[in-house]
Every structure is written in structure tokens, then in C-alpha cells.
Amino acid sequence: MARVEEDAEREERISMEIVVDAYGPEEQAMGWYYYLEDRMQCPFPALCITKRRSSPLKEGVTVQVVGMAPEEECEQEMFVEIDYAGDTLAVPLMQLEAIAAVDEETQQAVSDWHYWVNCGYELC
């Protein structure tokens, strides 16, 4: 897991907008879920930046993110749904990076999640 330098502005946004008043992992997960759902403008293109054993995506593959996975799939980690081989598949958001002409709000939301995870925070 990559470590990142502290970003005071991002830390403030995360603590005051996303996990504010969260008294446990379930509430943190729902805070993240609704933040991402509200901010990401789907569909958008994303690049697979890392291989995961639980996902069929290979590093370097471009996919189309079509939305958030159902809430119950995001209790431990944030998952997004992608178009994959004619079907819809849920994959970890940490595996993807927004690319191309995504809007600033989508880019920020995805980057906020990556930052939070890379700082060592968890939803468990």
C-alpha cells in the first residue's frame, strides 16, 4: 500500500463531510458510500492500476464505471460497478483510477478514497 503525505485540505473534507459523526465502521462506510455516489458522475472511464486476486481486471485495462455497487457490498471496502464482458461487475474502487475527461468532482471523489485508504484508514 502506497503511503502519501498528509493533505490538510483533503483531511478536512474527509473529516467534516464524509465521516463526520460516524461512530463506527458501518457509519463510516455509509458516509463514504453516499459521498462517492453523490460526487461521481457516472458513467466515466477508469484505468485498472493494480491487479487484485478477487477481480478479473488486469493492470492497464480501461473500463467504464457505471455506478456504485449496492450498499451491502460496500461495508468493508468501496466497490463500483463496471461494464465487463457484456455484464455488470463490482470491482474495488482502489483498483481503478479515473481517466480522460472526467469532471473535477468525480476525480476528487475517487482521489479522496485513494488518499484515505493509502493513509492506512480502514472500514473495519
N, C-alpha and C. Protein backbone atom coordinates (compact mmCIF):
# COMPACT_ATOMS: atom_id res chain seq x y z
N MET A 1 0.84 -1.17 0.00
CA MET A 1 0.00 0.00 0.00
C MET A 1 0.89 1.24 0.00
N ALA A 2 0.62 2.14 -0.90
CA ALA A 2 1.39 3.38 -1.01
C ALA A 2 1.02 4.31 0.15
N ARG A 3 2.01 4.96 0.68
CA ARG A 3 1.77 5.97 1.72
C ARG A 3 1.84 7.34 1.06
N VAL A 4 1.07 8.26 1.57
CA VAL A 4 1.02 9.59 0.99
C VAL A 4 1.27 10.63 2.06
N GLU A 5 1.72 11.81 1.62
CA GLU A 5 1.89 12.92 2.54
C GLU A 5 0.53 13.43 2.96
N GLU A 6 0.45 13.94 4.18
CA GLU A 6 -0.82 14.48 4.67
C GLU A 6 -1.22 15.69 3.84
N ASP A 7 -2.48 15.72 3.47
CA ASP A 7 -3.07 16.82 2.70
C ASP A 7 -4.14 17.44 3.60
N ALA A 8 -3.83 18.59 4.19
CA ALA A 8 -4.72 19.20 5.18
C ALA A 8 -6.11 19.50 4.62
N GLU A 9 -6.18 19.99 3.40
CA GLU A 9 -7.48 20.30 2.80
C GLU A 9 -8.32 19.04 2.62
N ARG A 10 -7.68 17.99 2.14
CA ARG A 10 -8.38 16.71 1.94
C ARG A 10 -8.79 16.11 3.28
N GLU A 11 -7.90 16.17 4.27
CA GLU A 11 -8.23 15.67 5.61
C GLU A 11 -9.45 16.38 6.17
N GLU A 12 -9.50 17.70 6.00
CA GLU A 12 -10.64 18.49 6.47
C GLU A 12 -11.92 18.05 5.78
N ARG A 13 -11.88 17.88 4.46
CA ARG A 13 -13.07 17.47 3.70
C ARG A 13 -13.54 16.09 4.16
N ILE A 14 -12.60 15.18 4.33
CA ILE A 14 -12.97 13.82 4.75
C ILE A 14 -13.58 13.84 6.14
N SER A 15 -12.95 14.54 7.07
CA SER A 15 -13.47 14.51 8.44
C SER A 15 -14.75 15.32 8.61
N MET A 16 -14.93 16.40 7.83
CA MET A 16 -16.10 17.26 8.01
C MET A 16 -17.27 16.95 7.07
N GLU A 17 -17.00 16.27 5.95
CA GLU A 17 -18.08 15.98 5.00
C GLU A 17 -18.41 14.49 4.88
N ILE A 18 -17.40 13.65 5.03
CA ILE A 18 -17.60 12.23 4.70
C ILE A 18 -17.81 11.38 5.94
N VAL A 19 -16.92 11.45 6.90
CA VAL A 19 -17.04 10.59 8.08
C VAL A 19 -17.46 11.37 9.33
N VAL A 20 -17.96 12.60 9.13
CA VAL A 20 -18.43 13.40 10.25
C VAL A 20 -19.55 12.65 10.98
N ASP A 21 -19.49 12.64 12.29
CA ASP A 21 -20.49 11.97 13.14
C ASP A 21 -20.57 10.46 12.91
N ALA A 22 -19.55 9.86 12.36
CA ALA A 22 -19.54 8.40 12.18
C ALA A 22 -18.97 7.76 13.43
N TYR A 23 -19.76 6.91 14.07
CA TYR A 23 -19.36 6.30 15.33
C TYR A 23 -19.00 4.83 15.18
N GLY A 24 -18.52 4.45 14.06
CA GLY A 24 -18.11 3.07 13.85
C GLY A 24 -17.93 2.80 12.38
N PRO A 25 -17.43 1.63 12.06
CA PRO A 25 -17.13 1.30 10.67
C PRO A 25 -18.36 1.31 9.76
N GLU A 26 -19.52 0.90 10.28
CA GLU A 26 -20.71 0.88 9.43
C GLU A 26 -21.10 2.30 9.02
N GLU A 27 -21.03 3.23 9.97
CA GLU A 27 -21.38 4.61 9.66
C GLU A 27 -20.33 5.26 8.76
N GLN A 28 -19.06 4.91 8.95
CA GLN A 28 -18.02 5.41 8.04
C GLN A 28 -18.26 4.89 6.63
N ALA A 29 -18.59 3.62 6.52
CA ALA A 29 -18.84 3.03 5.20
C ALA A 29 -20.00 3.73 4.51
N MET A 30 -21.06 4.01 5.24
CA MET A 30 -22.20 4.69 4.62
C MET A 30 -21.86 6.13 4.26
N GLY A 31 -21.05 6.79 5.08
CA GLY A 31 -20.60 8.14 4.75
C GLY A 31 -19.83 8.15 3.44
N TRP A 32 -18.89 7.22 3.32
CA TRP A 32 -18.12 7.10 2.07
C TRP A 32 -19.01 6.72 0.91
N TYR A 33 -19.91 5.79 1.13
CA TYR A 33 -20.78 5.32 0.05
C TYR A 33 -21.58 6.47 -0.55
N TYR A 34 -22.24 7.24 0.31
CA TYR A 34 -23.09 8.32 -0.20
C TYR A 34 -22.28 9.48 -0.74
N TYR A 35 -21.12 9.73 -0.17
CA TYR A 35 -20.23 10.76 -0.73
C TYR A 35 -19.84 10.40 -2.16
N LEU A 36 -19.38 9.17 -2.35
CA LEU A 36 -18.97 8.72 -3.69
C LEU A 36 -20.15 8.68 -4.65
N GLU A 37 -21.27 8.17 -4.19
CA GLU A 37 -22.45 8.08 -5.04
C GLU A 37 -22.92 9.47 -5.49
N ASP A 38 -22.87 10.43 -4.58
CA ASP A 38 -23.30 11.80 -4.90
C ASP A 38 -22.31 12.53 -5.79
N ARG A 39 -21.02 12.28 -5.63
CA ARG A 39 -20.00 13.06 -6.33
C ARG A 39 -19.55 12.48 -7.68
N MET A 40 -19.56 11.16 -7.81
CA MET A 40 -19.09 10.57 -9.07
C MET A 40 -20.17 10.70 -10.14
N GLN A 41 -19.80 11.28 -11.25
CA GLN A 41 -20.71 11.44 -12.38
C GLN A 41 -20.51 10.24 -13.31
N CYS A 42 -21.35 9.26 -13.19
CA CYS A 42 -21.24 8.03 -13.98
C CYS A 42 -22.09 8.14 -15.23
N PRO A 43 -21.71 7.48 -16.29
CA PRO A 43 -20.52 6.65 -16.43
C PRO A 43 -19.27 7.49 -16.66
N PHE A 44 -18.12 6.89 -16.34
CA PHE A 44 -16.84 7.53 -16.63
C PHE A 44 -15.78 6.45 -16.86
N PRO A 45 -14.77 6.78 -17.69
CA PRO A 45 -13.72 5.80 -17.95
C PRO A 45 -12.72 5.75 -16.80
N ALA A 46 -12.21 4.55 -16.55
CA ALA A 46 -11.23 4.36 -15.49
C ALA A 46 -10.19 3.34 -15.94
N LEU A 47 -9.01 3.50 -15.41
CA LEU A 47 -7.89 2.62 -15.72
C LEU A 47 -7.63 1.71 -14.54
N CYS A 48 -7.46 0.43 -14.80
CA CYS A 48 -7.08 -0.51 -13.74
C CYS A 48 -5.61 -0.25 -13.41
N ILE A 49 -5.34 0.13 -12.18
CA ILE A 49 -3.97 0.49 -11.79
C ILE A 49 -3.26 -0.59 -10.98
N THR A 50 -4.01 -1.62 -10.61
CA THR A 50 -3.39 -2.71 -9.86
C THR A 50 -4.22 -3.99 -10.01
N LYS A 51 -3.55 -5.10 -10.03
CA LYS A 51 -4.23 -6.39 -10.13
C LYS A 51 -4.65 -6.82 -8.73
N ARG A 52 -5.83 -7.41 -8.64
CA ARG A 52 -6.34 -7.95 -7.38
C ARG A 52 -6.78 -9.38 -7.62
N ARG A 53 -6.52 -10.25 -6.69
CA ARG A 53 -6.91 -11.66 -6.84
C ARG A 53 -8.41 -11.82 -6.92
N SER A 54 -9.15 -10.92 -6.31
CA SER A 54 -10.61 -11.02 -6.28
C SER A 54 -11.28 -10.40 -7.50
N SER A 55 -10.48 -9.90 -8.44
CA SER A 55 -11.03 -9.20 -9.59
C SER A 55 -10.39 -9.73 -10.88
N PRO A 56 -11.16 -9.86 -11.94
CA PRO A 56 -10.59 -10.34 -13.21
C PRO A 56 -9.83 -9.27 -13.99
N LEU A 57 -9.88 -8.02 -13.52
CA LEU A 57 -9.21 -6.95 -14.27
C LEU A 57 -7.70 -7.07 -14.19
N LYS A 58 -7.08 -6.73 -15.29
CA LYS A 58 -5.61 -6.72 -15.34
C LYS A 58 -5.14 -5.28 -15.38
N GLU A 59 -3.98 -5.05 -14.81
CA GLU A 59 -3.39 -3.73 -14.80
C GLU A 59 -3.28 -3.19 -16.23
N GLY A 60 -3.67 -1.93 -16.42
CA GLY A 60 -3.58 -1.29 -17.72
C GLY A 60 -4.85 -1.34 -18.54
N VAL A 61 -5.85 -2.10 -18.10
CA VAL A 61 -7.11 -2.23 -18.82
C VAL A 61 -8.00 -1.01 -18.50
N THR A 62 -8.65 -0.48 -19.52
CA THR A 62 -9.60 0.62 -19.34
C THR A 62 -11.01 0.06 -19.29
N VAL A 63 -11.79 0.54 -18.31
CA VAL A 63 -13.18 0.09 -18.13
C VAL A 63 -14.09 1.30 -18.00
N GLN A 64 -15.39 1.05 -18.07
CA GLN A 64 -16.39 2.10 -17.90
C GLN A 64 -17.08 1.89 -16.56
N VAL A 65 -16.92 2.84 -15.65
CA VAL A 65 -17.60 2.78 -14.35
C VAL A 65 -19.03 3.28 -14.57
N VAL A 66 -20.00 2.45 -14.19
CA VAL A 66 -21.40 2.80 -14.43
C VAL A 66 -22.15 3.19 -13.15
N GLY A 67 -21.54 3.00 -11.99
CA GLY A 67 -22.19 3.40 -10.74
C GLY A 67 -21.57 2.70 -9.54
N MET A 68 -22.13 3.00 -8.38
CA MET A 68 -21.70 2.34 -7.16
C MET A 68 -22.33 0.96 -7.10
N ALA A 69 -21.62 0.02 -6.49
CA ALA A 69 -22.19 -1.30 -6.22
C ALA A 69 -23.24 -1.12 -5.12
N PRO A 70 -24.12 -2.10 -4.92
CA PRO A 70 -25.12 -1.99 -3.85
C PRO A 70 -24.45 -1.77 -2.48
N GLU A 71 -25.17 -1.07 -1.62
CA GLU A 71 -24.65 -0.72 -0.29
C GLU A 71 -24.07 -1.91 0.46
N GLU A 72 -24.78 -3.05 0.43
CA GLU A 72 -24.32 -4.21 1.21
C GLU A 72 -22.98 -4.75 0.73
N GLU A 73 -22.57 -4.43 -0.48
CA GLU A 73 -21.26 -4.86 -0.97
C GLU A 73 -20.15 -3.89 -0.58
N CYS A 74 -20.53 -2.77 0.04
CA CYS A 74 -19.55 -1.73 0.37
C CYS A 74 -19.38 -1.55 1.88
N GLU A 75 -19.62 -2.58 2.64
CA GLU A 75 -19.49 -2.48 4.09
C GLU A 75 -18.05 -2.54 4.56
N GLN A 76 -17.16 -3.19 3.80
CA GLN A 76 -15.76 -3.31 4.18
C GLN A 76 -14.83 -2.52 3.27
N GLU A 77 -15.30 -2.23 2.06
CA GLU A 77 -14.49 -1.57 1.04
C GLU A 77 -15.45 -0.99 0.00
N MET A 78 -15.05 0.08 -0.65
CA MET A 78 -15.92 0.68 -1.66
C MET A 78 -15.75 -0.04 -3.00
N PHE A 79 -16.88 -0.48 -3.55
CA PHE A 79 -16.92 -1.15 -4.84
C PHE A 79 -17.74 -0.32 -5.81
N VAL A 80 -17.31 -0.33 -7.07
CA VAL A 80 -18.08 0.31 -8.14
C VAL A 80 -18.45 -0.75 -9.16
N GLU A 81 -19.52 -0.48 -9.89
CA GLU A 81 -19.92 -1.40 -10.95
C GLU A 81 -19.34 -0.93 -12.27
N ILE A 82 -18.89 -1.90 -13.06
CA ILE A 82 -18.33 -1.60 -14.38
C ILE A 82 -19.03 -2.47 -15.42
N ASP A 83 -18.99 -2.01 -16.65
CA ASP A 83 -19.40 -2.87 -17.77
C ASP A 83 -18.24 -3.83 -18.01
N TYR A 84 -18.54 -5.13 -18.04
CA TYR A 84 -17.47 -6.11 -18.23
C TYR A 84 -18.01 -7.31 -18.99
N ALA A 85 -17.49 -7.53 -20.17
CA ALA A 85 -17.84 -8.68 -20.99
C ALA A 85 -19.36 -8.83 -21.16
N GLY A 86 -20.03 -7.71 -21.41
CA GLY A 86 -21.47 -7.75 -21.62
C GLY A 86 -22.30 -7.87 -20.37
N ASP A 87 -21.68 -7.71 -19.22
CA ASP A 87 -22.38 -7.83 -17.94
C ASP A 87 -21.96 -6.68 -17.03
N THR A 88 -22.53 -6.62 -15.85
CA THR A 88 -22.12 -5.64 -14.85
C THR A 88 -21.39 -6.38 -13.74
N LEU A 89 -20.23 -5.85 -13.36
CA LEU A 89 -19.38 -6.49 -12.37
C LEU A 89 -18.97 -5.45 -11.33
N ALA A 90 -18.95 -5.83 -10.06
CA ALA A 90 -18.49 -4.95 -8.99
C ALA A 90 -17.00 -5.20 -8.75
N VAL A 91 -16.22 -4.12 -8.76
CA VAL A 91 -14.79 -4.21 -8.50
C VAL A 91 -14.40 -3.15 -7.47
N PRO A 92 -13.30 -3.36 -6.74
CA PRO A 92 -12.87 -2.38 -5.74
C PRO A 92 -12.49 -1.05 -6.40
N LEU A 93 -12.97 0.04 -5.84
CA LEU A 93 -12.61 1.36 -6.36
C LEU A 93 -11.10 1.59 -6.26
N MET A 94 -10.44 0.99 -5.28
CA MET A 94 -8.99 1.14 -5.13
C MET A 94 -8.23 0.59 -6.33
N GLN A 95 -8.87 -0.26 -7.08
CA GLN A 95 -8.23 -0.87 -8.24
C GLN A 95 -8.26 0.05 -9.46
N LEU A 96 -9.05 1.13 -9.38
CA LEU A 96 -9.29 1.98 -10.54
C LEU A 96 -8.86 3.42 -10.31
N GLU A 97 -8.50 4.06 -11.40
CA GLU A 97 -8.19 5.48 -11.40
C GLU A 97 -9.00 6.14 -12.50
N ALA A 98 -9.71 7.22 -12.17
CA ALA A 98 -10.48 7.94 -13.18
C ALA A 98 -9.53 8.54 -14.20
N ILE A 99 -9.90 8.44 -15.48
CA ILE A 99 -9.03 8.95 -16.54
C ILE A 99 -9.82 9.82 -17.52
N ALA A 100 -9.08 10.33 -18.47
CA ALA A 100 -9.63 11.12 -19.58
C ALA A 100 -10.34 12.36 -19.07
N ALA A 101 -11.44 12.67 -19.67
CA ALA A 101 -12.13 13.93 -19.39
C ALA A 101 -13.18 13.80 -18.30
N VAL A 102 -12.85 13.17 -17.18
CA VAL A 102 -13.83 13.11 -16.09
C VAL A 102 -13.91 14.48 -15.44
N ASP A 103 -15.06 14.79 -14.90
CA ASP A 103 -15.23 16.09 -14.27
C ASP A 103 -14.43 16.16 -12.96
N GLU A 104 -14.21 17.36 -12.50
CA GLU A 104 -13.39 17.60 -11.32
C GLU A 104 -13.96 16.93 -10.07
N GLU A 105 -15.27 16.94 -9.93
CA GLU A 105 -15.91 16.35 -8.75
C GLU A 105 -15.69 14.83 -8.71
N THR A 106 -15.81 14.17 -9.84
CA THR A 106 -15.56 12.72 -9.91
C THR A 106 -14.11 12.43 -9.58
N GLN A 107 -13.20 13.18 -10.18
CA GLN A 107 -11.77 12.98 -9.94
C GLN A 107 -11.45 13.16 -8.46
N GLN A 108 -12.01 14.20 -7.85
CA GLN A 108 -11.76 14.46 -6.44
C GLN A 108 -12.30 13.33 -5.56
N ALA A 109 -13.50 12.86 -5.84
CA ALA A 109 -14.10 11.80 -5.04
C ALA A 109 -13.25 10.52 -5.09
N VAL A 110 -12.86 10.12 -6.28
CA VAL A 110 -12.03 8.91 -6.42
C VAL A 110 -10.69 9.13 -5.72
N SER A 111 -10.10 10.30 -5.90
CA SER A 111 -8.81 10.60 -5.26
C SER A 111 -8.93 10.65 -3.75
N ASP A 112 -10.06 11.15 -3.24
CA ASP A 112 -10.25 11.17 -1.78
C ASP A 112 -10.26 9.76 -1.22
N TRP A 113 -10.95 8.83 -1.88
CA TRP A 113 -10.99 7.44 -1.42
C TRP A 113 -9.59 6.83 -1.44
N HIS A 114 -8.86 7.04 -2.54
CA HIS A 114 -7.50 6.52 -2.64
C HIS A 114 -6.62 7.09 -1.52
N TYR A 115 -6.72 8.37 -1.29
CA TYR A 115 -5.94 9.03 -0.25
C TYR A 115 -6.23 8.41 1.11
N TRP A 116 -7.52 8.27 1.44
CA TRP A 116 -7.93 7.75 2.75
C TRP A 116 -7.37 6.34 2.96
N VAL A 117 -7.53 5.49 1.97
CA VAL A 117 -7.02 4.11 2.08
C VAL A 117 -5.50 4.10 2.17
N ASN A 118 -4.84 4.91 1.33
CA ASN A 118 -3.38 4.93 1.31
C ASN A 118 -2.79 5.53 2.59
N CYS A 119 -3.60 6.27 3.34
CA CYS A 119 -3.17 6.78 4.65
C CYS A 119 -3.27 5.70 5.74
N GLY A 120 -3.86 4.56 5.38
CA GLY A 120 -3.95 3.45 6.32
C GLY A 120 -5.29 3.33 7.03
N TYR A 121 -6.25 4.16 6.67
CA TYR A 121 -7.58 4.05 7.29
C TYR A 121 -8.32 2.83 6.71
N GLU A 122 -9.21 2.26 7.51
CA GLU A 122 -9.97 1.09 7.09
C GLU A 122 -11.42 1.19 7.56
N LEU A 123 -12.27 0.43 6.94
CA LEU A 123 -13.69 0.38 7.32
C LEU A 123 -14.01 -0.87 8.15
N CYS A 124 -13.10 -1.27 9.01
CA CYS A 124 -13.40 -2.48 9.80
C CYS A 124 -13.13 -2.27 11.25
